[in-house]
């Protein structure tokens, strides 16, 4: 897959063709200094920070099954469509804007915002 461009100016960055990502799959990309996880569940495409908020493990190394994203390090689980944590509760993945262009390309725009690391 092609290397994405810079995230300077918070513009959308083209990543790859949407039809390459099948339902239940995920891919990780570096956009600027950020690792971004792009996944597809029930036909919906989402983009999140690619690092688990627990102990900075790359989420693409985990498992995506039945709409649940599980971090491989300590098995934290997140709802893949909302980003909210299932186990343990009370956390959330940082979500980014994602769109599919008229010519079928997935693009992501990084959202700034409050990202908190937890140590539980």
PDB file of N, CA and C in Angstrom:
ATOM      1  N   UNK A   1       0.841  -1.182   0.000  1.00  0.00           N
ATOM      2  CA  UNK A   1       0.000   0.000   0.000  1.00  0.00           C
ATOM      3  C   UNK A   1       0.882   1.240   0.000  1.00  0.00           C
ATOM      4  N   UNK A   2       0.419   2.321  -0.590  1.00  0.00           N
ATOM      5  CA  UNK A   2       1.254   3.512  -0.698  1.00  0.00           C
ATOM      6  C   UNK A   2       1.457   4.203   0.640  1.00  0.00           C
ATOM      7  N   UNK A   3       2.573   4.905   0.734  1.00  0.00           N
ATOM      8  CA  UNK A   3       2.855   5.709   1.918  1.00  0.00           C
ATOM      9  C   UNK A   3       1.957   6.940   1.895  1.00  0.00           C
ATOM     10  N   UNK A   4       1.246   7.227   2.986  1.00  0.00           N
ATOM     11  CA  UNK A   4       0.416   8.423   3.008  1.00  0.00           C
ATOM     12  C   UNK A   4       1.265   9.681   3.119  1.00  0.00           C
ATOM     13  N   UNK A   5       0.671  10.786   2.739  1.00  0.00           N
ATOM     14  CA  UNK A   5       1.375  12.062   2.771  1.00  0.00           C
ATOM     15  C   UNK A   5       1.390  12.688   4.150  1.00  0.00           C
ATOM     16  N   UNK A   6       1.745  13.924   4.185  1.00  0.00           N
ATOM     17  CA  UNK A   6       1.858  14.674   5.430  1.00  0.00           C
ATOM     18  C   UNK A   6       0.495  15.069   5.961  1.00  0.00           C
ATOM     19  N   UNK A   7       0.395  15.208   7.263  1.00  0.00           N
ATOM     20  CA  UNK A   7      -0.851  15.634   7.886  1.00  0.00           C
ATOM     21  C   UNK A   7      -0.833  17.128   8.183  1.00  0.00           C
ATOM     22  N   UNK A   8       0.141  17.838   7.632  1.00  0.00           N
ATOM     23  CA  UNK A   8       0.242  19.274   7.875  1.00  0.00           C
ATOM     24  C   UNK A   8      -1.049  19.960   7.438  1.00  0.00           C
ATOM     25  N   UNK A   9      -1.498  20.913   8.227  1.00  0.00           N
ATOM     26  CA  UNK A   9      -2.693  21.666   7.895  1.00  0.00           C
ATOM     27  C   UNK A   9      -3.981  20.920   8.181  1.00  0.00           C
ATOM     28  N   UNK A  10      -3.879  19.714   8.717  1.00  0.00           N
ATOM     29  CA  UNK A  10      -5.057  18.928   9.084  1.00  0.00           C
ATOM     30  C   UNK A  10      -5.979  18.660   7.896  1.00  0.00           C
ATOM     31  N   UNK A  11      -5.423  18.511   6.713  1.00  0.00           N
ATOM     32  CA  UNK A  11      -6.202  18.156   5.540  1.00  0.00           C
ATOM     33  C   UNK A  11      -6.377  16.643   5.489  1.00  0.00           C
ATOM     34  N   UNK A  12      -7.337  16.211   4.674  1.00  0.00           N
ATOM     35  CA  UNK A  12      -7.499  14.779   4.469  1.00  0.00           C
ATOM     36  C   UNK A  12      -6.285  14.237   3.727  1.00  0.00           C
ATOM     37  N   UNK A  13      -5.844  13.046   4.128  1.00  0.00           N
ATOM     38  CA  UNK A  13      -4.706  12.372   3.522  1.00  0.00           C
ATOM     39  C   UNK A  13      -5.222  11.097   2.857  1.00  0.00           C
ATOM     40  N   UNK A  14      -4.912  10.941   1.589  1.00  0.00           N
ATOM     41  CA  UNK A  14      -5.336   9.750   0.855  1.00  0.00           C
ATOM     42  C   UNK A  14      -4.482   8.569   1.286  1.00  0.00           C
ATOM     43  N   UNK A  15      -5.141   7.443   1.601  1.00  0.00           N
ATOM     44  CA  UNK A  15      -4.420   6.268   2.079  1.00  0.00           C
ATOM     45  C   UNK A  15      -4.411   5.117   1.077  1.00  0.00           C
ATOM     46  N   UNK A  16      -5.584   4.636   0.670  1.00  0.00           N
ATOM     47  CA  UNK A  16      -5.644   3.476  -0.214  1.00  0.00           C
ATOM     48  C   UNK A  16      -7.059   3.320  -0.766  1.00  0.00           C
ATOM     49  N   UNK A  17      -7.215   2.392  -1.718  1.00  0.00           N
ATOM     50  CA  UNK A  17      -8.512   2.140  -2.328  1.00  0.00           C
ATOM     51  C   UNK A  17      -9.438   1.443  -1.336  1.00  0.00           C
ATOM     52  N   UNK A  18     -10.667   1.927  -1.237  1.00  0.00           N
ATOM     53  CA  UNK A  18     -11.620   1.401  -0.263  1.00  0.00           C
ATOM     54  C   UNK A  18     -11.944  -0.069  -0.492  1.00  0.00           C
ATOM     55  N   UNK A  19     -11.962  -0.513  -1.745  1.00  0.00           N
ATOM     56  CA  UNK A  19     -12.339  -1.905  -2.001  1.00  0.00           C
ATOM     57  C   UNK A  19     -11.242  -2.901  -1.617  1.00  0.00           C
ATOM     58  N   UNK A  20     -10.074  -2.410  -1.211  1.00  0.00           N
ATOM     59  CA  UNK A  20      -8.993  -3.275  -0.737  1.00  0.00           C
ATOM     60  C   UNK A  20      -9.277  -3.752   0.696  1.00  0.00           C
ATOM     61  N   UNK A  21      -9.997  -2.930   1.471  1.00  0.00           N
ATOM     62  CA  UNK A  21     -10.289  -3.244   2.872  1.00  0.00           C
ATOM     63  C   UNK A  21     -11.617  -3.994   2.955  1.00  0.00           C
ATOM     64  N   UNK A  22     -11.567  -5.241   3.340  1.00  0.00           N
ATOM     65  CA  UNK A  22     -12.761  -6.066   3.450  1.00  0.00           C
ATOM     66  C   UNK A  22     -13.353  -5.937   4.846  1.00  0.00           C
ATOM     67  N   UNK A  23     -14.612  -6.301   4.956  1.00  0.00           N
ATOM     68  CA  UNK A  23     -15.277  -6.292   6.252  1.00  0.00           C
ATOM     69  C   UNK A  23     -14.503  -7.170   7.238  1.00  0.00           C
ATOM     70  N   UNK A  24     -14.273  -6.636   8.436  1.00  0.00           N
ATOM     71  CA  UNK A  24     -13.546  -7.374   9.465  1.00  0.00           C
ATOM     72  C   UNK A  24     -12.041  -7.240   9.373  1.00  0.00           C
ATOM     73  N   UNK A  25     -11.553  -6.376   8.475  1.00  0.00           N
ATOM     74  CA  UNK A  25     -10.117  -6.165   8.336  1.00  0.00           C
ATOM     75  C   UNK A  25      -9.702  -4.807   8.880  1.00  0.00           C
ATOM     76  N   UNK A  26      -8.407  -4.674   9.172  1.00  0.00           N
ATOM     77  CA  UNK A  26      -7.855  -3.407   9.634  1.00  0.00           C
ATOM     78  C   UNK A  26      -6.441  -3.260   9.100  1.00  0.00           C
ATOM     79  N   UNK A  27      -6.033  -2.004   8.932  1.00  0.00           N
ATOM     80  CA  UNK A  27      -4.694  -1.655   8.461  1.00  0.00           C
ATOM     81  C   UNK A  27      -4.200  -0.479   9.289  1.00  0.00           C
ATOM     82  N   UNK A  28      -2.893  -0.374   9.432  1.00  0.00           N
ATOM     83  CA  UNK A  28      -2.290   0.711  10.189  1.00  0.00           C
ATOM     84  C   UNK A  28      -1.433   1.564   9.262  1.00  0.00           C
ATOM     85  N   UNK A  29      -1.454   2.877   9.461  1.00  0.00           N
ATOM     86  CA  UNK A  29      -0.707   3.826   8.647  1.00  0.00           C
ATOM     87  C   UNK A  29      -0.069   4.874   9.539  1.00  0.00           C
ATOM     88  N   UNK A  30       1.080   5.362   9.123  1.00  0.00           N
ATOM     89  CA  UNK A  30       1.705   6.506   9.782  1.00  0.00           C
ATOM     90  C   UNK A  30       1.301   7.744   8.998  1.00  0.00           C
ATOM     91  N   UNK A  31       0.666   8.681   9.688  1.00  0.00           N
ATOM     92  CA  UNK A  31       0.314   9.973   9.097  1.00  0.00           C
ATOM     93  C   UNK A  31       1.037  11.016   9.930  1.00  0.00           C
ATOM     94  N   UNK A  32       2.048  11.615   9.346  1.00  0.00           N
ATOM     95  CA  UNK A  32       2.908  12.492  10.133  1.00  0.00           C
ATOM     96  C   UNK A  32       3.543  11.659  11.233  1.00  0.00           C
ATOM     97  N   UNK A  33       3.410  12.103  12.466  1.00  0.00           N
ATOM     98  CA  UNK A  33       3.982  11.382  13.606  1.00  0.00           C
ATOM     99  C   UNK A  33       2.971  10.454  14.272  1.00  0.00           C
ATOM    100  N   UNK A  34       1.779  10.329  13.695  1.00  0.00           N
ATOM    101  CA  UNK A  34       0.707   9.542  14.303  1.00  0.00           C
ATOM    102  C   UNK A  34       0.545   8.190  13.624  1.00  0.00           C
ATOM    103  N   UNK A  35       0.309   7.147  14.427  1.00  0.00           N
ATOM    104  CA  UNK A  35      -0.097   5.850  13.884  1.00  0.00           C
ATOM    105  C   UNK A  35      -1.622   5.836  13.895  1.00  0.00           C
ATOM    106  N   UNK A  36      -2.207   5.550  12.737  1.00  0.00           N
ATOM    107  CA  UNK A  36      -3.660   5.565  12.587  1.00  0.00           C
ATOM    108  C   UNK A  36      -4.122   4.182  12.152  1.00  0.00           C
ATOM    109  N   UNK A  37      -5.147   3.682  12.823  1.00  0.00           N
ATOM    110  CA  UNK A  37      -5.744   2.397  12.505  1.00  0.00           C
ATOM    111  C   UNK A  37      -7.015   2.639  11.702  1.00  0.00           C
ATOM    112  N   UNK A  38      -7.116   2.017  10.541  1.00  0.00           N
ATOM    113  CA  UNK A  38      -8.319   2.096   9.708  1.00  0.00           C
ATOM    114  C   UNK A  38      -8.919   0.699   9.682  1.00  0.00           C
ATOM    115  N   UNK A  39     -10.219   0.603   9.975  1.00  0.00           N
ATOM    116  CA  UNK A  39     -10.874  -0.695  10.001  1.00  0.00           C
ATOM    117  C   UNK A  39     -12.252  -0.609   9.362  1.00  0.00           C
ATOM    118  N   UNK A  40     -12.789  -1.784   9.025  1.00  0.00           N
ATOM    119  CA  UNK A  40     -14.109  -1.859   8.403  1.00  0.00           C
ATOM    120  C   UNK A  40     -14.929  -2.927   9.103  1.00  0.00           C
ATOM    121  N   UNK A  41     -16.115  -2.518   9.572  1.00  0.00           N
ATOM    122  CA  UNK A  41     -17.038  -3.421  10.255  1.00  0.00           C
ATOM    123  C   UNK A  41     -18.441  -3.128   9.754  1.00  0.00           C
ATOM    124  N   UNK A  42     -19.146  -4.155   9.335  1.00  0.00           N
ATOM    125  CA  UNK A  42     -20.517  -4.017   8.832  1.00  0.00           C
ATOM    126  C   UNK A  42     -20.623  -2.946   7.752  1.00  0.00           C
ATOM    127  N   UNK A  43     -19.613  -2.879   6.896  1.00  0.00           N
ATOM    128  CA  UNK A  43     -19.599  -1.916   5.796  1.00  0.00           C
ATOM    129  C   UNK A  43     -19.204  -0.506   6.190  1.00  0.00           C
ATOM    130  N   UNK A  44     -18.993  -0.261   7.458  1.00  0.00           N
ATOM    131  CA  UNK A  44     -18.617   1.064   7.969  1.00  0.00           C
ATOM    132  C   UNK A  44     -17.108   1.138   8.160  1.00  0.00           C
ATOM    133  N   UNK A  45     -16.508   2.231   7.704  1.00  0.00           N
ATOM    134  CA  UNK A  45     -15.071   2.438   7.852  1.00  0.00           C
ATOM    135  C   UNK A  45     -14.834   3.439   8.978  1.00  0.00           C
ATOM    136  N   UNK A  46     -13.917   3.111   9.855  1.00  0.00           N
ATOM    137  CA  UNK A  46     -13.562   3.976  10.980  1.00  0.00           C
ATOM    138  C   UNK A  46     -12.052   4.152  11.004  1.00  0.00           C
ATOM    139  N   UNK A  47     -11.609   5.272  11.612  1.00  0.00           N
ATOM    140  CA  UNK A  47     -10.179   5.538  11.810  1.00  0.00           C
ATOM    141  C   UNK A  47      -9.976   6.002  13.252  1.00  0.00           C
ATOM    142  N   UNK A  48      -9.009   5.391  13.921  1.00  0.00           N
ATOM    143  CA  UNK A  48      -8.696   5.696  15.316  1.00  0.00           C
ATOM    144  C   UNK A  48      -7.183   5.837  15.475  1.00  0.00           C
ATOM    145  N   UNK A  49      -6.766   6.416  16.602  1.00  0.00           N
ATOM    146  CA  UNK A  49      -5.357   6.321  16.954  1.00  0.00           C
ATOM    147  C   UNK A  49      -5.003   4.844  16.929  1.00  0.00           C
ATOM    148  N   UNK A  50      -3.851   4.507  16.397  1.00  0.00           N
ATOM    149  CA  UNK A  50      -3.471   3.118  16.242  1.00  0.00           C
ATOM    150  C   UNK A  50      -2.804   2.509  17.454  1.00  0.00           C
ATOM    151  N   UNK A  51      -2.737   3.263  18.541  1.00  0.00           N
ATOM    152  CA  UNK A  51      -2.058   2.815  19.752  1.00  0.00           C
ATOM    153  C   UNK A  51      -3.084   2.659  20.873  1.00  0.00           C
ATOM    154  N   UNK A  52      -3.040   1.532  21.561  1.00  0.00           N
ATOM    155  CA  UNK A  52      -3.953   1.282  22.678  1.00  0.00           C
ATOM    156  C   UNK A  52      -3.693   2.302  23.788  1.00  0.00           C
ATOM    157  N   UNK A  53      -4.753   2.880  24.361  1.00  0.00           N
ATOM    158  CA  UNK A  53      -4.565   3.866  25.435  1.00  0.00           C
ATOM    159  C   UNK A  53      -4.051   3.259  26.738  1.00  0.00           C
ATOM    160  N   UNK A  54      -3.996   1.955  26.824  1.00  0.00           N
ATOM    161  CA  UNK A  54      -3.558   1.301  28.051  1.00  0.00           C
ATOM    162  C   UNK A  54      -2.047   1.381  28.218  1.00  0.00           C
ATOM    163  N   UNK A  55      -1.306   0.696  27.340  1.00  0.00           N
ATOM    164  CA  UNK A  55       0.146   0.703  27.486  1.00  0.00           C
ATOM    165  C   UNK A  55       0.852   0.801  26.140  1.00  0.00           C
ATOM    166  N   UNK A  56       0.290   1.608  25.261  1.00  0.00           N
ATOM    167  CA  UNK A  56       0.922   1.992  23.992  1.00  0.00           C
ATOM    168  C   UNK A  56       1.255   0.833  23.047  1.00  0.00           C
ATOM    169  N   UNK A  57       0.441  -0.198  23.050  1.00  0.00           N
ATOM    170  CA  UNK A  57       0.614  -1.319  22.122  1.00  0.00           C
ATOM    171  C   UNK A  57      -0.071  -0.978  20.799  1.00  0.00           C
ATOM    172  N   UNK A  58       0.539  -1.347  19.686  1.00  0.00           N
ATOM    173  CA  UNK A  58      -0.058  -1.126  18.372  1.00  0.00           C
ATOM    174  C   UNK A  58      -1.304  -1.996  18.225  1.00  0.00           C
ATOM    175  N   UNK A  59      -2.450  -1.381  17.946  1.00  0.00           N
ATOM    176  CA  UNK A  59      -3.715  -2.107  17.876  1.00  0.00           C
ATOM    177  C   UNK A  59      -3.819  -3.006  16.653  1.00  0.00           C
ATOM    178  N   UNK A  60      -3.105  -2.702  15.584  1.00  0.00           N
ATOM    179  CA  UNK A  60      -3.175  -3.536  14.383  1.00  0.00           C
ATOM    180  C   UNK A  60      -2.635  -4.943  14.654  1.00  0.00           C
ATOM    181  N   UNK A  61      -1.853  -5.106  15.708  1.00  0.00           N
ATOM    182  CA  UNK A  61      -1.330  -6.408  16.081  1.00  0.00           C
ATOM    183  C   UNK A  61      -2.354  -7.235  16.859  1.00  0.00           C
ATOM    184  N   UNK A  62      -3.479  -6.616  17.176  1.00  0.00           N
ATOM    185  CA  UNK A  62      -4.539  -7.305  17.914  1.00  0.00           C
ATOM    186  C   UNK A  62      -5.480  -8.049  16.987  1.00  0.00           C
ATOM    187  N   UNK A  63      -6.698  -8.222  17.443  1.00  0.00           N
ATOM    188  CA  UNK A  63      -7.697  -9.002  16.713  1.00  0.00           C
ATOM    189  C   UNK A  63      -8.972  -8.186  16.528  1.00  0.00           C
ATOM    190  N   UNK A  64      -9.575  -8.303  15.362  1.00  0.00           N
ATOM    191  CA  UNK A  64     -10.863  -7.676  15.072  1.00  0.00           C
ATOM    192  C   UNK A  64     -11.821  -8.790  14.713  1.00  0.00           C
ATOM    193  N   UNK A  65     -12.781  -9.033  15.606  1.00  0.00           N
ATOM    194  CA  UNK A  65     -13.718 -10.122  15.394  1.00  0.00           C
ATOM    195  C   UNK A  65     -15.097  -9.722  15.908  1.00  0.00           C
ATOM    196  N   UNK A  66     -16.112  -9.912  15.056  1.00  0.00           N
ATOM    197  CA  UNK A  66     -17.508  -9.620  15.402  1.00  0.00           C
ATOM    198  C   UNK A  66     -17.676  -8.193  15.930  1.00  0.00           C
ATOM    199  N   UNK A  67     -16.957  -7.244  15.331  1.00  0.00           N
ATOM    200  CA  UNK A  67     -17.096  -5.850  15.709  1.00  0.00           C
ATOM    201  C   UNK A  67     -16.371  -5.451  16.973  1.00  0.00           C
ATOM    202  N   UNK A  68     -15.549  -6.345  17.500  1.00  0.00           N
ATOM    203  CA  UNK A  68     -14.793  -6.062  18.725  1.00  0.00           C
ATOM    204  C   UNK A  68     -13.306  -6.085  18.396  1.00  0.00           C
ATOM    205  N   UNK A  69     -12.633  -4.991  18.754  1.00  0.00           N
ATOM    206  CA  UNK A  69     -11.189  -4.857  18.578  1.00  0.00           C
ATOM    207  C   UNK A  69     -10.524  -5.197  19.908  1.00  0.00           C
ATOM    208  N   UNK A  70      -9.626  -6.189  19.890  1.00  0.00           N
ATOM    209  CA  UNK A  70      -8.959  -6.632  21.109  1.00  0.00           C
ATOM    210  C   UNK A  70      -7.465  -6.384  20.989  1.00  0.00           C
ATOM    211  N   UNK A  71      -6.906  -5.649  21.943  1.00  0.00           N
ATOM    212  CA  UNK A  71      -5.469  -5.399  21.993  1.00  0.00           C
ATOM    213  C   UNK A  71      -4.767  -6.695  22.400  1.00  0.00           C
ATOM    214  N   UNK A  72      -3.687  -7.022  21.712  1.00  0.00           N
ATOM    215  CA  UNK A  72      -3.015  -8.292  21.985  1.00  0.00           C
ATOM    216  C   UNK A  72      -2.238  -8.285  23.304  1.00  0.00           C
ATOM    217  N   UNK A  73      -1.831  -7.119  23.779  1.00  0.00           N
ATOM    218  CA  UNK A  73      -0.968  -7.062  24.964  1.00  0.00           C
ATOM    219  C   UNK A  73      -1.695  -7.478  26.240  1.00  0.00           C
ATOM    220  N   UNK A  74      -2.813  -6.845  26.526  1.00  0.00           N
ATOM    221  CA  UNK A  74      -3.516  -7.116  27.783  1.00  0.00           C
ATOM    222  C   UNK A  74      -5.005  -7.378  27.558  1.00  0.00           C
ATOM    223  N   UNK A  75      -5.362  -7.623  26.287  1.00  0.00           N
ATOM    224  CA  UNK A  75      -6.719  -7.999  25.895  1.00  0.00           C
ATOM    225  C   UNK A  75      -7.780  -6.950  26.227  1.00  0.00           C
ATOM    226  N   UNK A  76      -7.393  -5.682  26.228  1.00  0.00           N
ATOM    227  CA  UNK A  76      -8.413  -4.649  26.333  1.00  0.00           C
ATOM    228  C   UNK A  76      -9.274  -4.730  25.085  1.00  0.00           C
ATOM    229  N   UNK A  77     -10.598  -4.506  25.233  1.00  0.00           N
ATOM    230  CA  UNK A  77     -11.524  -4.629  24.116  1.00  0.00           C
ATOM    231  C   UNK A  77     -12.279  -3.332  23.886  1.00  0.00           C
ATOM    232  N   UNK A  78     -12.498  -3.048  22.591  1.00  0.00           N
ATOM    233  CA  UNK A  78     -13.186  -1.824  22.177  1.00  0.00           C
ATOM    234  C   UNK A  78     -14.242  -2.163  21.136  1.00  0.00           C
ATOM    235  N   UNK A  79     -15.378  -1.455  21.191  1.00  0.00           N
ATOM    236  CA  UNK A  79     -16.373  -1.550  20.136  1.00  0.00           C
ATOM    237  C   UNK A  79     -15.766  -0.886  18.901  1.00  0.00           C
ATOM    238  N   UNK A  80     -15.650  -1.623  17.807  1.00  0.00           N
ATOM    239  CA  UNK A  80     -14.950  -1.120  16.630  1.00  0.00           C
ATOM    240  C   UNK A  80     -15.691   0.016  15.927  1.00  0.00           C
ATOM    241  N   UNK A  81     -16.998   0.119  16.088  1.00  0.00           N
ATOM    242  CA  UNK A  81     -17.743   1.189  15.425  1.00  0.00           C
ATOM    243  C   UNK A  81     -17.788   2.478  16.239  1.00  0.00           C
ATOM    244  N   UNK A  82     -17.843   2.366  17.558  1.00  0.00           N
ATOM    245  CA  UNK A  82     -17.930   3.571  18.389  1.00  0.00           C
ATOM    246  C   UNK A  82     -16.598   3.960  19.017  1.00  0.00           C
ATOM    247  N   UNK A  83     -15.699   2.998  19.169  1.00  0.00           N
ATOM    248  CA  UNK A  83     -14.422   3.254  19.826  1.00  0.00           C
ATOM    249  C   UNK A  83     -14.486   3.155  21.341  1.00  0.00           C
ATOM    250  N   UNK A  84     -15.674   2.962  21.901  1.00  0.00           N
ATOM    251  CA  UNK A  84     -15.800   2.872  23.355  1.00  0.00           C
ATOM    252  C   UNK A  84     -15.280   1.533  23.858  1.00  0.00           C
ATOM    253  N   UNK A  85     -14.727   1.552  25.053  1.00  0.00           N
ATOM    254  CA  UNK A  85     -14.167   0.322  25.605  1.00  0.00           C
ATOM    255  C   UNK A  85     -15.273  -0.576  26.144  1.00  0.00           C
ATOM    256  N   UNK A  86     -15.055  -1.866  25.968  1.00  0.00           N
ATOM    257  CA  UNK A  86     -15.982  -2.879  26.454  1.00  0.00           C
ATOM    258  C   UNK A  86     -15.438  -3.479  27.739  1.00  0.00           C
ATOM    259  N   UNK A  87     -14.142  -3.762  27.734  1.00  0.00           N
ATOM    260  CA  UNK A  87     -13.499  -4.357  28.902  1.00  0.00           C
ATOM    261  C   UNK A  87     -12.057  -3.869  28.974  1.00  0.00           C
ATOM    262  N   UNK A  88     -11.691  -3.086  29.953  1.00  0.00           N
ATOM    263  CA  UNK A  88     -12.552  -2.502  30.977  1.00  0.00           C
ATOM    264  C   UNK A  88     -13.338  -1.315  30.427  1.00  0.00           C
ATOM    265  N   UNK A  89     -14.362  -0.956  31.100  1.00  0.00           N
ATOM    266  CA  UNK A  89     -15.189   0.188  30.691  1.00  0.00           C
ATOM    267  C   UNK A  89     -14.528   1.494  31.118  1.00  0.00           C
ATOM    268  N   UNK A  90     -14.989   2.599  30.501  1.00  0.00           N
ATOM    269  CA  UNK A  90     -14.527   3.907  30.922  1.00  0.00           C
ATOM    270  C   UNK A  90     -13.422   4.521  30.084  1.00  0.00           C
ATOM    271  N   UNK A  91     -13.081   3.883  28.958  1.00  0.00           N
ATOM    272  CA  UNK A  91     -12.061   4.421  28.069  1.00  0.00           C
ATOM    273  C   UNK A  91     -12.642   4.518  26.669  1.00  0.00           C
ATOM    274  N   UNK A  92     -11.908   5.173  25.797  1.00  0.00           N
ATOM    275  CA  UNK A  92     -12.385   5.347  24.438  1.00  0.00           C
ATOM    276  C   UNK A  92     -11.195   5.559  23.516  1.00  0.00           C
ATOM    277  N   UNK A  93     -11.277   4.980  22.314  1.00  0.00           N
ATOM    278  CA  UNK A  93     -10.249   5.236  21.319  1.00  0.00           C
ATOM    279  C   UNK A  93     -10.463   6.617  20.722  1.00  0.00           C
ATOM    280  N   UNK A  94      -9.378   7.308  20.426  1.00  0.00           N
ATOM    281  CA  UNK A  94      -9.451   8.634  19.813  1.00  0.00           C
ATOM    282  C   UNK A  94      -9.755   8.463  18.324  1.00  0.00           C
ATOM    283  N   UNK A  95     -10.887   9.013  17.901  1.00  0.00           N
ATOM    284  CA  UNK A  95     -11.374   8.812  16.535  1.00  0.00           C
ATOM    285  C   UNK A  95     -10.948   9.954  15.612  1.00  0.00           C
ATOM    286  N   UNK A  96     -10.687   9.607  14.347  1.00  0.00           N
ATOM    287  CA  UNK A  96     -10.330  10.579  13.321  1.00  0.00           C
ATOM    288  C   UNK A  96     -11.394  10.578  12.224  1.00  0.00           C
ATOM    289  N   UNK A  97     -11.458  11.670  11.486  1.00  0.00           N
ATOM    290  CA  UNK A  97     -12.395  11.768  10.376  1.00  0.00           C
ATOM    291  C   UNK A  97     -11.935  10.860   9.250  1.00  0.00           C
ATOM    292  N   UNK A  98     -12.881  10.166   8.635  1.00  0.00           N
ATOM    293  CA  UNK A  98     -12.560   9.287   7.512  1.00  0.00           C
ATOM    294  C   UNK A  98     -13.656   9.446   6.462  1.00  0.00           C
ATOM    295  N   UNK A  99     -13.265   9.361   5.202  1.00  0.00           N
ATOM    296  CA  UNK A  99     -14.244   9.440   4.121  1.00  0.00           C
ATOM    297  C   UNK A  99     -13.747   8.609   2.938  1.00  0.00           C
ATOM    298  N   UNK A 100     -14.716   8.254   2.087  1.00  0.00           N
ATOM    299  CA  UNK A 100     -14.394   7.578   0.838  1.00  0.00           C
ATOM    300  C   UNK A 100     -14.727   8.574  -0.273  1.00  0.00           C
ATOM    301  N   UNK A 101     -13.759   8.855  -1.122  1.00  0.00           N
ATOM    302  CA  UNK A 101     -13.932   9.829  -2.196  1.00  0.00           C
ATOM    303  C   UNK A 101     -14.771   9.236  -3.330  1.00  0.00           C
ATOM    304  N   UNK A 102     -15.181  10.090  -4.244  1.00  0.00           N
ATOM    305  CA  UNK A 102     -15.978   9.663  -5.393  1.00  0.00           C
ATOM    306  C   UNK A 102     -15.248   8.619  -6.238  1.00  0.00           C
ATOM    307  N   UNK A 103     -13.925   8.679  -6.248  1.00  0.00           N
ATOM    308  CA  UNK A 103     -13.166   7.687  -7.022  1.00  0.00           C
ATOM    309  C   UNK A 103     -12.740   6.481  -6.182  1.00  0.00           C
ATOM    310  N   UNK A 104     -13.342   6.325  -4.971  1.00  0.00           N
ATOM    311  CA  UNK A 104     -13.158   5.114  -4.180  1.00  0.00           C
ATOM    312  C   UNK A 104     -11.930   5.045  -3.306  1.00  0.00           C
ATOM    313  N   UNK A 105     -11.335   6.183  -2.986  1.00  0.00           N
ATOM    314  CA  UNK A 105     -10.147   6.199  -2.117  1.00  0.00           C
ATOM    315  C   UNK A 105     -10.541   6.536  -0.676  1.00  0.00           C
ATOM    316  N   UNK A 106      -9.912   5.835   0.283  1.00  0.00           N
ATOM    317  CA  UNK A 106     -10.108   6.151   1.697  1.00  0.00           C
ATOM    318  C   UNK A 106      -9.157   7.283   2.060  1.00  0.00           C
ATOM    319  N   UNK A 107      -9.719   8.315   2.680  1.00  0.00           N
ATOM    320  CA  UNK A 107      -8.932   9.454   3.163  1.00  0.00           C
ATOM    321  C   UNK A 107      -9.211   9.656   4.647  1.00  0.00           C
ATOM    322  N   UNK A 108      -8.186  10.091   5.377  1.00  0.00           N
ATOM    323  CA  UNK A 108      -8.300  10.342   6.815  1.00  0.00           C
ATOM    324  C   UNK A 108      -7.790  11.738   7.119  1.00  0.00           C
ATOM    325  N   UNK A 109      -8.484  12.413   8.032  1.00  0.00           N
ATOM    326  CA  UNK A 109      -8.020  13.698   8.565  1.00  0.00           C
ATOM    327  C   UNK A 109      -7.868  13.533  10.069  1.00  0.00           C
ATOM    328  N   UNK A 110      -6.675  13.822  10.558  1.00  0.00           N
ATOM    329  CA  UNK A 110      -6.420  13.697  11.990  1.00  0.00           C
ATOM    330  C   UNK A 110      -7.226  14.734  12.754  1.00  0.00           C
ATOM    331  N   UNK A 111      -7.812  14.297  13.844  1.00  0.00           N
ATOM    332  CA  UNK A 111      -8.502  15.199  14.765  1.00  0.00           C
ATOM    333  C   UNK A 111      -7.581  15.424  15.955  1.00  0.00           C
ATOM    334  N   UNK A 112      -7.405  16.672  16.307  1.00  0.00           N
ATOM    335  CA  UNK A 112      -6.672  16.928  17.551  1.00  0.00           C
ATOM    336  C   UNK A 112      -7.682  16.748  18.676  1.00  0.00           C
ATOM    337  N   UNK A 113      -7.196  16.697  19.865  1.00  0.00           N
ATOM    338  CA  UNK A 113      -8.118  16.545  20.984  1.00  0.00           C
ATOM    339  C   UNK A 113      -7.436  15.899  22.153  1.00  0.00           C
ATOM    340  N   UNK A 114      -8.215  15.693  23.181  1.00  0.00           N
ATOM    341  CA  UNK A 114      -7.701  15.144  24.430  1.00  0.00           C
ATOM    342  C   UNK A 114      -7.465  13.651  24.294  1.00  0.00           C
ATOM    343  N   UNK A 115      -6.208  13.269  24.407  1.00  0.00           N
ATOM    344  CA  UNK A 115      -5.841  11.857  24.427  1.00  0.00           C
ATOM    345  C   UNK A 115      -5.256  11.579  25.796  1.00  0.00           C
ATOM    346  N   UNK A 116      -5.813  10.617  26.472  1.00  0.00           N
ATOM    347  CA  UNK A 116      -5.276  10.315  27.791  1.00  0.00           C
ATOM    348  C   UNK A 116      -4.795   8.878  27.842  1.00  0.00           C
ATOM    349  N   UNK A 117      -3.659   8.691  28.430  1.00  0.00           N
ATOM    350  CA  UNK A 117      -3.131   7.342  28.653  1.00  0.00           C
ATOM    351  C   UNK A 117      -3.582   6.897  30.021  1.00  0.00           C
ATOM    352  N   UNK A 118      -3.910   5.639  30.137  1.00  0.00           N
ATOM    353  CA  UNK A 118      -4.341   5.099  31.424  1.00  0.00           C
ATOM    354  C   UNK A 118      -3.369   4.005  31.832  1.00  0.00           C
ATOM    355  N   UNK A 119      -3.293   3.740  33.101  1.00  0.00           N
ATOM    356  CA  UNK A 119      -2.305   2.777  33.577  1.00  0.00           C
ATOM    357  C   UNK A 119      -2.921   1.573  34.271  1.00  0.00           C
ATOM    358  N   UNK A 120      -4.217   1.404  34.151  1.00  0.00           N
ATOM    359  CA  UNK A 120      -4.891   0.289  34.846  1.00  0.00           C
ATOM    360  C   UNK A 120      -4.393  -1.057  34.408  1.00  0.00           C
TER     361      UNK A 120
END
